[in-house]
Protein backbone atom coordinates (compact mmCIF):
# COMPACT_ATOMS: atom_id res chain seq x y z
CA UNK A 1 0.00 0.00 0.00
CA UNK A 2 2.90 2.32 0.74
CA UNK A 3 4.12 2.13 -2.87
CA UNK A 4 0.66 3.03 -4.18
CA UNK A 5 0.41 6.13 -1.96
CA UNK A 6 3.96 7.11 -2.94
CA UNK A 7 3.12 6.76 -6.64
CA UNK A 8 -0.13 8.71 -6.32
CA UNK A 9 1.60 11.46 -4.34
CA UNK A 10 4.29 11.77 -7.04
CA UNK A 11 1.66 11.78 -9.77
CA UNK A 12 -0.36 14.53 -8.08
CA UNK A 13 2.75 16.66 -7.56
CA UNK A 14 3.83 16.11 -11.16
CA UNK A 15 0.35 16.97 -12.46
CA UNK A 16 0.36 20.25 -10.52
CA UNK A 17 3.84 21.10 -11.83
CA UNK A 18 2.71 20.34 -15.38
CA UNK A 19 -0.34 22.54 -14.90
CA UNK A 20 1.60 25.48 -13.41
CA UNK A 21 4.87 25.48 -15.38
CA UNK A 22 4.69 26.24 -19.07
CA UNK A 23 7.94 24.43 -19.84
CA UNK A 24 6.77 21.06 -18.49
CA UNK A 25 4.23 19.28 -20.66
CA UNK A 26 2.70 16.09 -21.94
CA UNK A 27 1.71 15.58 -25.57
CA UNK A 28 -1.98 15.32 -26.39
CA UNK A 29 -5.25 17.13 -25.69
CA UNK A 30 -5.18 20.09 -23.32
CA UNK A 31 -8.66 19.98 -21.78
CA UNK A 32 -11.65 17.83 -20.96
CA UNK A 33 -12.03 14.13 -20.33
CA UNK A 34 -9.92 13.31 -23.38
CA UNK A 35 -6.93 14.89 -21.64
CA UNK A 36 -7.47 12.84 -18.49
CA UNK A 37 -7.92 9.58 -20.42
CA UNK A 38 -4.89 10.10 -22.63
CA UNK A 39 -2.47 11.48 -20.02
CA UNK A 40 -3.23 9.39 -16.92
CA UNK A 41 -1.05 6.40 -17.79
CA UNK A 42 1.91 8.53 -18.99
CA UNK A 43 1.60 10.64 -15.82
CA UNK A 44 1.81 7.54 -13.63
CA UNK A 45 4.76 6.24 -15.66
CA UNK A 46 6.64 9.54 -15.36
CA UNK A 47 5.88 9.65 -11.61
CA UNK A 48 7.27 6.12 -11.24
CA UNK A 49 10.44 6.87 -13.21
CA UNK A 50 10.94 10.17 -11.36
CA UNK A 51 10.61 8.35 -8.05
CA UNK A 52 13.08 5.66 -9.06
CA UNK A 53 15.58 8.21 -10.39
CA UNK A 54 15.23 10.25 -7.21
CA UNK A 55 15.67 7.16 -5.04
CA UNK A 56 18.85 5.95 -6.71
CA UNK A 57 20.61 8.88 -8.40
CA UNK A 58 19.71 11.77 -6.07
CA UNK A 59 21.56 10.41 -2.98
CA UNK A 60 24.72 9.95 -5.04
CA UNK A 61 24.49 13.50 -6.38
CA UNK A 62 23.90 14.84 -2.87
CA UNK A 63 27.07 13.19 -1.61
CA UNK A 64 29.13 14.38 -4.58
CA UNK A 65 27.71 17.91 -4.39
CA UNK A 66 27.92 18.24 -0.61
CA UNK A 67 30.50 21.06 -0.72
CA UNK A 68 28.28 23.07 -3.10
CA UNK A 69 25.20 22.37 -0.97
CA UNK A 70 27.04 23.60 2.10
CA UNK A 71 28.49 26.63 0.32
CA UNK A 72 25.09 27.71 -1.04
CA UNK A 73 23.29 26.95 2.24
CA UNK A 74 21.20 24.26 0.57
CA UNK A 75 20.15 26.17 -2.53
CA UNK A 76 22.13 23.78 -4.71
CA UNK A 77 19.50 21.16 -3.83
CA UNK A 78 17.20 23.05 -6.22
CA UNK A 79 19.67 22.31 -9.00
CA UNK A 80 19.74 18.64 -8.02
CA UNK A 81 15.92 18.49 -8.06
CA UNK A 82 15.94 20.12 -11.49
CA UNK A 83 18.50 17.58 -12.67
CA UNK A 84 16.27 14.72 -11.50
CA UNK A 85 13.33 16.11 -13.48
CA UNK A 86 15.48 16.68 -16.56
CA UNK A 87 17.02 13.22 -16.29
CA UNK A 88 13.55 11.69 -16.07
CA UNK A 89 12.46 13.49 -19.25
CA UNK A 90 15.68 12.39 -20.97
CA UNK A 91 15.33 8.72 -19.91
CA UNK A 92 11.73 8.33 -21.05
CA UNK A 93 11.10 7.60 -24.73
CA UNK A 94 9.34 10.13 -26.94
CA UNK A 95 6.29 7.85 -27.06
CA UNK A 96 5.48 8.83 -23.44
CA UNK A 97 5.26 12.46 -24.54
CA UNK A 98 6.80 14.07 -21.43
CA UNK A 99 8.89 17.18 -22.03
CA UNK A 100 10.88 19.56 -19.83
CA UNK A 101 11.91 22.63 -21.81
CA UNK A 102 14.98 24.12 -20.20
CA UNK A 103 16.76 24.50 -16.90
CA UNK A 104 14.49 27.10 -15.32
CA UNK A 105 11.35 25.13 -16.08
CA UNK A 106 13.01 22.14 -14.40
CA UNK A 107 13.99 24.23 -11.36
CA UNK A 108 10.48 25.63 -10.97
CA UNK A 109 8.98 22.19 -11.56
CA UNK A 110 11.28 20.66 -8.94
CA UNK A 111 10.24 23.29 -6.40
CA UNK A 112 6.55 22.73 -7.11
CA UNK A 113 6.89 18.93 -7.00
CA UNK A 114 8.67 19.15 -3.64
CA UNK A 115 6.09 21.51 -2.11
CA UNK A 116 3.05 19.64 -3.44
CA UNK A 117 4.54 16.27 -2.48
CA UNK A 118 5.13 17.52 1.05
CA UNK A 119 1.59 18.96 1.27
CA UNK A 120 -0.05 15.77 -0.03
CA UNK A 121 1.96 13.72 2.47
CA UNK A 122 0.65 15.96 5.29
CA UNK A 123 -2.97 15.75 4.13
CA UNK A 124 -2.88 12.05 3.24
CA UNK A 125 -0.66 10.38 5.88
CA UNK A 126 0.63 6.88 5.27
CA UNK A 127 -1.21 4.33 7.42
CA UNK A 128 1.98 2.25 7.88
CA UNK A 129 3.65 4.92 10.07
C-alpha atoms as a PDB file:
ATOM      1  CA  UNK A   1       0.000   0.000   0.000  1.00  0.00           C
ATOM      2  CA  UNK A   2       2.902   2.324   0.739  1.00  0.00           C
ATOM      3  CA  UNK A   3       4.119   2.130  -2.872  1.00  0.00           C
ATOM      4  CA  UNK A   4       0.665   3.027  -4.179  1.00  0.00           C
ATOM      5  CA  UNK A   5       0.413   6.128  -1.958  1.00  0.00           C
ATOM      6  CA  UNK A   6       3.960   7.112  -2.940  1.00  0.00           C
ATOM      7  CA  UNK A   7       3.119   6.764  -6.644  1.00  0.00           C
ATOM      8  CA  UNK A   8      -0.135   8.707  -6.318  1.00  0.00           C
ATOM      9  CA  UNK A   9       1.602  11.465  -4.340  1.00  0.00           C
ATOM     10  CA  UNK A  10       4.293  11.772  -7.035  1.00  0.00           C
ATOM     11  CA  UNK A  11       1.655  11.775  -9.772  1.00  0.00           C
ATOM     12  CA  UNK A  12      -0.364  14.526  -8.079  1.00  0.00           C
ATOM     13  CA  UNK A  13       2.751  16.660  -7.562  1.00  0.00           C
ATOM     14  CA  UNK A  14       3.834  16.114 -11.165  1.00  0.00           C
ATOM     15  CA  UNK A  15       0.351  16.970 -12.462  1.00  0.00           C
ATOM     16  CA  UNK A  16       0.363  20.248 -10.518  1.00  0.00           C
ATOM     17  CA  UNK A  17       3.844  21.100 -11.828  1.00  0.00           C
ATOM     18  CA  UNK A  18       2.708  20.339 -15.382  1.00  0.00           C
ATOM     19  CA  UNK A  19      -0.342  22.537 -14.898  1.00  0.00           C
ATOM     20  CA  UNK A  20       1.596  25.483 -13.410  1.00  0.00           C
ATOM     21  CA  UNK A  21       4.867  25.482 -15.375  1.00  0.00           C
ATOM     22  CA  UNK A  22       4.688  26.245 -19.072  1.00  0.00           C
ATOM     23  CA  UNK A  23       7.940  24.433 -19.839  1.00  0.00           C
ATOM     24  CA  UNK A  24       6.767  21.063 -18.493  1.00  0.00           C
ATOM     25  CA  UNK A  25       4.235  19.279 -20.657  1.00  0.00           C
ATOM     26  CA  UNK A  26       2.700  16.086 -21.943  1.00  0.00           C
ATOM     27  CA  UNK A  27       1.708  15.582 -25.571  1.00  0.00           C
ATOM     28  CA  UNK A  28      -1.978  15.316 -26.386  1.00  0.00           C
ATOM     29  CA  UNK A  29      -5.246  17.127 -25.686  1.00  0.00           C
ATOM     30  CA  UNK A  30      -5.184  20.091 -23.320  1.00  0.00           C
ATOM     31  CA  UNK A  31      -8.658  19.977 -21.780  1.00  0.00           C
ATOM     32  CA  UNK A  32     -11.652  17.834 -20.958  1.00  0.00           C
ATOM     33  CA  UNK A  33     -12.029  14.126 -20.328  1.00  0.00           C
ATOM     34  CA  UNK A  34      -9.921  13.306 -23.381  1.00  0.00           C
ATOM     35  CA  UNK A  35      -6.929  14.888 -21.640  1.00  0.00           C
ATOM     36  CA  UNK A  36      -7.474  12.837 -18.490  1.00  0.00           C
ATOM     37  CA  UNK A  37      -7.922   9.580 -20.418  1.00  0.00           C
ATOM     38  CA  UNK A  38      -4.889  10.100 -22.627  1.00  0.00           C
ATOM     39  CA  UNK A  39      -2.471  11.477 -20.022  1.00  0.00           C
ATOM     40  CA  UNK A  40      -3.235   9.387 -16.919  1.00  0.00           C
ATOM     41  CA  UNK A  41      -1.052   6.400 -17.791  1.00  0.00           C
ATOM     42  CA  UNK A  42       1.912   8.526 -18.988  1.00  0.00           C
ATOM     43  CA  UNK A  43       1.597  10.643 -15.817  1.00  0.00           C
ATOM     44  CA  UNK A  44       1.805   7.538 -13.627  1.00  0.00           C
ATOM     45  CA  UNK A  45       4.761   6.236 -15.662  1.00  0.00           C
ATOM     46  CA  UNK A  46       6.637   9.535 -15.356  1.00  0.00           C
ATOM     47  CA  UNK A  47       5.883   9.650 -11.610  1.00  0.00           C
ATOM     48  CA  UNK A  48       7.267   6.122 -11.245  1.00  0.00           C
ATOM     49  CA  UNK A  49      10.442   6.866 -13.210  1.00  0.00           C
ATOM     50  CA  UNK A  50      10.939  10.175 -11.359  1.00  0.00           C
ATOM     51  CA  UNK A  51      10.608   8.353  -8.046  1.00  0.00           C
ATOM     52  CA  UNK A  52      13.079   5.656  -9.064  1.00  0.00           C
ATOM     53  CA  UNK A  53      15.580   8.206 -10.390  1.00  0.00           C
ATOM     54  CA  UNK A  54      15.228  10.250  -7.207  1.00  0.00           C
ATOM     55  CA  UNK A  55      15.670   7.165  -5.037  1.00  0.00           C
ATOM     56  CA  UNK A  56      18.852   5.947  -6.710  1.00  0.00           C
ATOM     57  CA  UNK A  57      20.615   8.883  -8.398  1.00  0.00           C
ATOM     58  CA  UNK A  58      19.710  11.768  -6.072  1.00  0.00           C
ATOM     59  CA  UNK A  59      21.555  10.407  -2.984  1.00  0.00           C
ATOM     60  CA  UNK A  60      24.722   9.953  -5.041  1.00  0.00           C
ATOM     61  CA  UNK A  61      24.486  13.503  -6.379  1.00  0.00           C
ATOM     62  CA  UNK A  62      23.896  14.843  -2.872  1.00  0.00           C
ATOM     63  CA  UNK A  63      27.072  13.190  -1.608  1.00  0.00           C
ATOM     64  CA  UNK A  64      29.126  14.381  -4.577  1.00  0.00           C
ATOM     65  CA  UNK A  65      27.710  17.914  -4.392  1.00  0.00           C
ATOM     66  CA  UNK A  66      27.915  18.244  -0.606  1.00  0.00           C
ATOM     67  CA  UNK A  67      30.498  21.064  -0.716  1.00  0.00           C
ATOM     68  CA  UNK A  68      28.276  23.067  -3.097  1.00  0.00           C
ATOM     69  CA  UNK A  69      25.203  22.372  -0.972  1.00  0.00           C
ATOM     70  CA  UNK A  70      27.040  23.599   2.096  1.00  0.00           C
ATOM     71  CA  UNK A  71      28.494  26.628   0.320  1.00  0.00           C
ATOM     72  CA  UNK A  72      25.086  27.710  -1.039  1.00  0.00           C
ATOM     73  CA  UNK A  73      23.287  26.954   2.244  1.00  0.00           C
ATOM     74  CA  UNK A  74      21.202  24.263   0.574  1.00  0.00           C
ATOM     75  CA  UNK A  75      20.152  26.174  -2.527  1.00  0.00           C
ATOM     76  CA  UNK A  76      22.129  23.779  -4.713  1.00  0.00           C
ATOM     77  CA  UNK A  77      19.496  21.162  -3.825  1.00  0.00           C
ATOM     78  CA  UNK A  78      17.200  23.046  -6.218  1.00  0.00           C
ATOM     79  CA  UNK A  79      19.673  22.314  -9.003  1.00  0.00           C
ATOM     80  CA  UNK A  80      19.742  18.636  -8.015  1.00  0.00           C
ATOM     81  CA  UNK A  81      15.918  18.491  -8.061  1.00  0.00           C
ATOM     82  CA  UNK A  82      15.935  20.121 -11.493  1.00  0.00           C
ATOM     83  CA  UNK A  83      18.504  17.582 -12.666  1.00  0.00           C
ATOM     84  CA  UNK A  84      16.265  14.716 -11.495  1.00  0.00           C
ATOM     85  CA  UNK A  85      13.329  16.109 -13.477  1.00  0.00           C
ATOM     86  CA  UNK A  86      15.483  16.679 -16.563  1.00  0.00           C
ATOM     87  CA  UNK A  87      17.021  13.217 -16.288  1.00  0.00           C
ATOM     88  CA  UNK A  88      13.547  11.692 -16.065  1.00  0.00           C
ATOM     89  CA  UNK A  89      12.465  13.495 -19.248  1.00  0.00           C
ATOM     90  CA  UNK A  90      15.682  12.394 -20.965  1.00  0.00           C
ATOM     91  CA  UNK A  91      15.326   8.725 -19.912  1.00  0.00           C
ATOM     92  CA  UNK A  92      11.732   8.329 -21.049  1.00  0.00           C
ATOM     93  CA  UNK A  93      11.098   7.600 -24.727  1.00  0.00           C
ATOM     94  CA  UNK A  94       9.336  10.130 -26.939  1.00  0.00           C
ATOM     95  CA  UNK A  95       6.295   7.849 -27.055  1.00  0.00           C
ATOM     96  CA  UNK A  96       5.480   8.826 -23.442  1.00  0.00           C
ATOM     97  CA  UNK A  97       5.261  12.458 -24.541  1.00  0.00           C
ATOM     98  CA  UNK A  98       6.804  14.065 -21.430  1.00  0.00           C
ATOM     99  CA  UNK A  99       8.888  17.183 -22.030  1.00  0.00           C
ATOM    100  CA  UNK A 100      10.876  19.557 -19.831  1.00  0.00           C
ATOM    101  CA  UNK A 101      11.913  22.629 -21.814  1.00  0.00           C
ATOM    102  CA  UNK A 102      14.976  24.124 -20.200  1.00  0.00           C
ATOM    103  CA  UNK A 103      16.756  24.499 -16.903  1.00  0.00           C
ATOM    104  CA  UNK A 104      14.489  27.105 -15.318  1.00  0.00           C
ATOM    105  CA  UNK A 105      11.347  25.127 -16.077  1.00  0.00           C
ATOM    106  CA  UNK A 106      13.014  22.137 -14.401  1.00  0.00           C
ATOM    107  CA  UNK A 107      13.987  24.230 -11.357  1.00  0.00           C
ATOM    108  CA  UNK A 108      10.481  25.634 -10.966  1.00  0.00           C
ATOM    109  CA  UNK A 109       8.981  22.191 -11.561  1.00  0.00           C
ATOM    110  CA  UNK A 110      11.276  20.659  -8.943  1.00  0.00           C
ATOM    111  CA  UNK A 111      10.237  23.285  -6.402  1.00  0.00           C
ATOM    112  CA  UNK A 112       6.547  22.731  -7.115  1.00  0.00           C
ATOM    113  CA  UNK A 113       6.885  18.935  -6.995  1.00  0.00           C
ATOM    114  CA  UNK A 114       8.666  19.148  -3.644  1.00  0.00           C
ATOM    115  CA  UNK A 115       6.089  21.510  -2.115  1.00  0.00           C
ATOM    116  CA  UNK A 116       3.046  19.643  -3.442  1.00  0.00           C
ATOM    117  CA  UNK A 117       4.542  16.267  -2.482  1.00  0.00           C
ATOM    118  CA  UNK A 118       5.132  17.524   1.048  1.00  0.00           C
ATOM    119  CA  UNK A 119       1.586  18.959   1.266  1.00  0.00           C
ATOM    120  CA  UNK A 120      -0.054  15.770  -0.026  1.00  0.00           C
ATOM    121  CA  UNK A 121       1.963  13.722   2.473  1.00  0.00           C
ATOM    122  CA  UNK A 122       0.655  15.958   5.290  1.00  0.00           C
ATOM    123  CA  UNK A 123      -2.969  15.751   4.125  1.00  0.00           C
ATOM    124  CA  UNK A 124      -2.880  12.046   3.241  1.00  0.00           C
ATOM    125  CA  UNK A 125      -0.660  10.383   5.876  1.00  0.00           C
ATOM    126  CA  UNK A 126       0.630   6.883   5.268  1.00  0.00           C
ATOM    127  CA  UNK A 127      -1.206   4.332   7.416  1.00  0.00           C
ATOM    128  CA  UNK A 128       1.984   2.247   7.884  1.00  0.00           C
ATOM    129  CA  UNK A 129       3.653   4.924  10.065  1.00  0.00           C
END
